[in-house]
Amino acid sequence: MWFPQIRWLPFEQETPPAPRHSALFVLTAALAASVSLPAHADMMFNRVASFAVAGNLPADVEKTTPTSSEIITASEDGMTLV
């Protein structure tokens, strides 16, 4: 005689249960965590001072003379401007 299989416990399932958290919830939580953490980056340039090019003209040259910016280059290590 053939007898049908009887399941006594309600938690017995043939397929695994569906995930409780949706993908939208997981993505929202990941985005919130990434925004709340500060970004760390090394400072590459620290401005020490600036000056007007016209203020660097010789005394015998008029202040209205057209000028161009100074040409500045960096040292090999990139930490000093010359």
N, C-alpha and C. Protein backbone atom coordinates (compact mmCIF):
# COMPACT_ATOMS: atom_id res chain seq x y z
N MET A 1 0.82 -1.18 0.00
CA MET A 1 0.00 0.00 0.00
C MET A 1 0.87 1.25 0.00
N TRP A 2 0.40 2.20 -0.72
CA TRP A 2 1.14 3.46 -0.80
C TRP A 2 0.50 4.47 0.13
N PHE A 3 1.38 5.17 0.95
CA PHE A 3 0.88 6.19 1.87
C PHE A 3 1.49 7.54 1.51
N PRO A 4 0.72 8.59 1.50
CA PRO A 4 1.29 9.91 1.20
C PRO A 4 2.21 10.36 2.33
N GLN A 5 3.18 11.13 1.95
CA GLN A 5 4.12 11.64 2.96
C GLN A 5 3.43 12.72 3.79
N ILE A 6 3.53 12.59 5.08
CA ILE A 6 2.89 13.55 5.99
C ILE A 6 3.99 14.42 6.59
N ARG A 7 3.79 15.70 6.51
CA ARG A 7 4.75 16.64 7.10
C ARG A 7 4.18 17.13 8.41
N TRP A 8 4.92 16.88 9.46
CA TRP A 8 4.41 17.24 10.78
C TRP A 8 4.83 18.64 11.20
N LEU A 9 5.99 19.09 10.74
CA LEU A 9 6.47 20.39 11.18
C LEU A 9 6.21 21.43 10.10
N PRO A 10 5.69 22.60 10.47
CA PRO A 10 5.34 23.59 9.46
C PRO A 10 6.55 24.23 8.78
N PHE A 11 7.74 24.16 9.37
CA PHE A 11 8.90 24.82 8.79
C PHE A 11 9.64 23.95 7.77
N GLU A 12 9.20 22.75 7.54
CA GLU A 12 9.84 21.91 6.53
C GLU A 12 9.36 22.36 5.16
N GLN A 13 10.31 22.76 4.32
CA GLN A 13 9.98 23.22 2.98
C GLN A 13 10.94 22.60 1.99
N GLU A 14 10.47 22.43 0.78
CA GLU A 14 11.34 21.89 -0.26
C GLU A 14 12.25 22.97 -0.84
N THR A 15 11.78 24.20 -0.87
CA THR A 15 12.58 25.31 -1.39
C THR A 15 13.02 26.19 -0.24
N PRO A 16 14.17 26.83 -0.36
CA PRO A 16 14.61 27.72 0.72
C PRO A 16 13.70 28.94 0.81
N PRO A 17 13.59 29.51 1.99
CA PRO A 17 12.72 30.68 2.14
C PRO A 17 13.26 31.87 1.35
N ALA A 18 12.38 32.75 0.96
CA ALA A 18 12.77 33.95 0.22
C ALA A 18 13.56 34.87 1.14
N PRO A 19 14.51 35.62 0.59
CA PRO A 19 15.27 36.55 1.44
C PRO A 19 14.35 37.60 2.05
N ARG A 20 14.65 37.97 3.28
CA ARG A 20 13.78 38.91 3.98
C ARG A 20 14.06 40.35 3.60
N HIS A 21 15.28 40.64 3.15
CA HIS A 21 15.63 42.01 2.78
C HIS A 21 15.61 42.14 1.26
N SER A 22 14.95 43.16 0.80
CA SER A 22 14.91 43.36 -0.64
C SER A 22 16.23 43.95 -1.12
N ALA A 23 16.46 43.85 -2.40
CA ALA A 23 17.68 44.40 -2.98
C ALA A 23 17.73 45.91 -2.81
N LEU A 24 16.57 46.56 -2.87
CA LEU A 24 16.52 48.01 -2.69
C LEU A 24 16.97 48.40 -1.29
N PHE A 25 16.56 47.64 -0.29
CA PHE A 25 16.97 47.93 1.08
C PHE A 25 18.48 47.77 1.23
N VAL A 26 19.04 46.73 0.67
CA VAL A 26 20.48 46.49 0.77
C VAL A 26 21.26 47.59 0.06
N LEU A 27 20.81 48.00 -1.12
CA LEU A 27 21.49 49.07 -1.84
C LEU A 27 21.39 50.40 -1.10
N THR A 28 20.23 50.67 -0.51
CA THR A 28 20.06 51.91 0.26
C THR A 28 20.97 51.92 1.47
N ALA A 29 21.08 50.81 2.16
CA ALA A 29 21.96 50.73 3.32
C ALA A 29 23.42 50.90 2.92
N ALA A 30 23.83 50.31 1.81
CA ALA A 30 25.21 50.45 1.34
C ALA A 30 25.51 51.89 0.95
N LEU A 31 24.57 52.55 0.29
CA LEU A 31 24.76 53.95 -0.10
C LEU A 31 24.85 54.84 1.13
N ALA A 32 24.00 54.61 2.11
CA ALA A 32 24.03 55.42 3.33
C ALA A 32 25.35 55.23 4.07
N ALA A 33 25.87 54.02 4.10
CA ALA A 33 27.14 53.77 4.77
C ALA A 33 28.29 54.43 4.03
N SER A 34 28.26 54.42 2.71
CA SER A 34 29.36 55.01 1.95
C SER A 34 29.34 56.53 2.03
N VAL A 35 28.18 57.14 2.13
CA VAL A 35 28.08 58.59 2.21
C VAL A 35 28.49 59.08 3.60
N SER A 36 28.22 58.30 4.62
CA SER A 36 28.51 58.74 5.98
C SER A 36 30.00 58.67 6.32
N LEU A 37 30.77 57.91 5.56
CA LEU A 37 32.20 57.80 5.82
C LEU A 37 32.95 58.91 5.10
N PRO A 38 33.88 59.58 5.77
CA PRO A 38 34.62 60.66 5.10
C PRO A 38 35.62 60.11 4.09
N ALA A 39 35.87 60.88 3.07
CA ALA A 39 36.86 60.49 2.07
C ALA A 39 38.24 60.95 2.54
N HIS A 40 39.21 60.08 2.46
CA HIS A 40 40.57 60.41 2.89
C HIS A 40 41.46 60.55 1.66
N ALA A 41 42.10 61.69 1.55
CA ALA A 41 43.03 61.92 0.45
C ALA A 41 44.19 62.77 0.96
N ASP A 42 45.37 62.50 0.46
CA ASP A 42 46.53 63.29 0.84
C ASP A 42 46.47 64.64 0.15
N MET A 43 46.82 65.68 0.90
CA MET A 43 46.85 67.00 0.32
C MET A 43 48.09 67.11 -0.55
N MET A 44 47.90 67.50 -1.80
CA MET A 44 49.02 67.57 -2.72
C MET A 44 49.58 68.98 -2.87
N PHE A 45 48.79 69.99 -2.64
CA PHE A 45 49.26 71.36 -2.82
C PHE A 45 48.71 72.21 -1.69
N ASN A 46 49.59 72.95 -1.05
CA ASN A 46 49.20 73.86 0.02
C ASN A 46 49.64 75.26 -0.39
N ARG A 47 48.69 76.14 -0.67
CA ARG A 47 49.01 77.50 -1.11
C ARG A 47 49.62 78.26 0.06
N VAL A 48 50.83 78.75 -0.14
CA VAL A 48 51.53 79.51 0.89
C VAL A 48 51.21 80.99 0.76
N ALA A 49 51.26 81.51 -0.44
CA ALA A 49 50.99 82.94 -0.66
C ALA A 49 50.68 83.16 -2.13
N SER A 50 50.14 84.32 -2.41
CA SER A 50 49.93 84.74 -3.79
C SER A 50 50.27 86.22 -3.89
N PHE A 51 50.61 86.66 -5.08
CA PHE A 51 50.95 88.07 -5.27
C PHE A 51 50.50 88.51 -6.65
N ALA A 52 50.21 89.77 -6.75
CA ALA A 52 49.82 90.33 -8.05
C ALA A 52 51.06 90.49 -8.91
N VAL A 53 50.96 90.14 -10.17
CA VAL A 53 52.10 90.25 -11.07
C VAL A 53 52.52 91.71 -11.21
N ALA A 54 51.56 92.61 -11.24
CA ALA A 54 51.89 94.04 -11.36
C ALA A 54 52.68 94.54 -10.16
N GLY A 55 52.53 93.93 -9.01
CA GLY A 55 53.30 94.31 -7.83
C GLY A 55 54.74 93.85 -7.89
N ASN A 56 55.07 93.02 -8.85
CA ASN A 56 56.42 92.48 -8.99
C ASN A 56 57.22 93.20 -10.08
N LEU A 57 56.64 94.25 -10.64
CA LEU A 57 57.32 95.01 -11.70
C LEU A 57 58.43 95.88 -11.12
N PRO A 58 59.47 96.15 -11.89
CA PRO A 58 60.51 97.09 -11.43
C PRO A 58 59.91 98.48 -11.21
N ALA A 59 60.59 99.29 -10.44
CA ALA A 59 60.08 100.61 -10.07
C ALA A 59 59.96 101.55 -11.26
N ASP A 60 60.81 101.40 -12.27
CA ASP A 60 60.78 102.32 -13.40
C ASP A 60 59.75 101.95 -14.47
N VAL A 61 59.00 100.85 -14.31
CA VAL A 61 57.99 100.42 -15.27
C VAL A 61 56.61 100.85 -14.76
N GLU A 62 55.78 101.36 -15.68
CA GLU A 62 54.44 101.79 -15.29
C GLU A 62 53.58 100.60 -14.86
N LYS A 63 52.68 100.82 -13.91
CA LYS A 63 51.80 99.75 -13.41
C LYS A 63 50.77 99.31 -14.45
N THR A 64 50.53 100.13 -15.45
CA THR A 64 49.55 99.79 -16.48
C THR A 64 50.15 98.97 -17.62
N THR A 65 51.42 98.65 -17.54
CA THR A 65 52.08 97.85 -18.58
C THR A 65 51.48 96.45 -18.61
N PRO A 66 51.12 95.93 -19.78
CA PRO A 66 50.60 94.55 -19.84
C PRO A 66 51.65 93.56 -19.35
N THR A 67 51.23 92.63 -18.54
CA THR A 67 52.14 91.62 -17.99
C THR A 67 51.53 90.24 -18.17
N SER A 68 52.32 89.24 -17.92
CA SER A 68 51.82 87.86 -17.92
C SER A 68 52.22 87.21 -16.61
N SER A 69 51.60 86.16 -16.29
CA SER A 69 51.89 85.47 -15.03
C SER A 69 53.30 84.90 -15.04
N GLU A 70 53.84 84.74 -13.87
CA GLU A 70 55.16 84.12 -13.74
C GLU A 70 55.06 82.65 -14.15
N ILE A 71 56.13 82.12 -14.69
CA ILE A 71 56.17 80.71 -15.02
C ILE A 71 56.75 79.99 -13.82
N ILE A 72 56.00 79.04 -13.30
CA ILE A 72 56.41 78.31 -12.10
C ILE A 72 56.50 76.84 -12.45
N THR A 73 57.51 76.19 -11.93
CA THR A 73 57.67 74.76 -12.14
C THR A 73 57.81 74.08 -10.78
N ALA A 74 57.57 72.80 -10.75
CA ALA A 74 57.66 72.04 -9.50
C ALA A 74 58.97 71.27 -9.46
N SER A 75 59.44 71.00 -8.24
CA SER A 75 60.65 70.19 -8.07
C SER A 75 60.35 68.74 -8.47
N GLU A 76 61.39 67.91 -8.51
CA GLU A 76 61.21 66.53 -8.94
C GLU A 76 60.26 65.75 -8.04
N ASP A 77 60.29 66.02 -6.74
CA ASP A 77 59.39 65.30 -5.83
C ASP A 77 57.98 65.89 -5.83
N GLY A 78 57.78 67.03 -6.48
CA GLY A 78 56.46 67.63 -6.58
C GLY A 78 56.01 68.37 -5.34
N MET A 79 56.89 68.56 -4.39
CA MET A 79 56.51 69.19 -3.12
C MET A 79 56.92 70.65 -3.03
N THR A 80 57.75 71.15 -3.95
CA THR A 80 58.23 72.52 -3.89
C THR A 80 58.03 73.18 -5.25
N LEU A 81 57.49 74.41 -5.24
CA LEU A 81 57.34 75.17 -6.47
C LEU A 81 58.49 76.14 -6.60
N VAL A 82 59.09 76.22 -7.79
CA VAL A 82 60.24 77.07 -8.04
C VAL A 82 59.88 78.07 -9.12
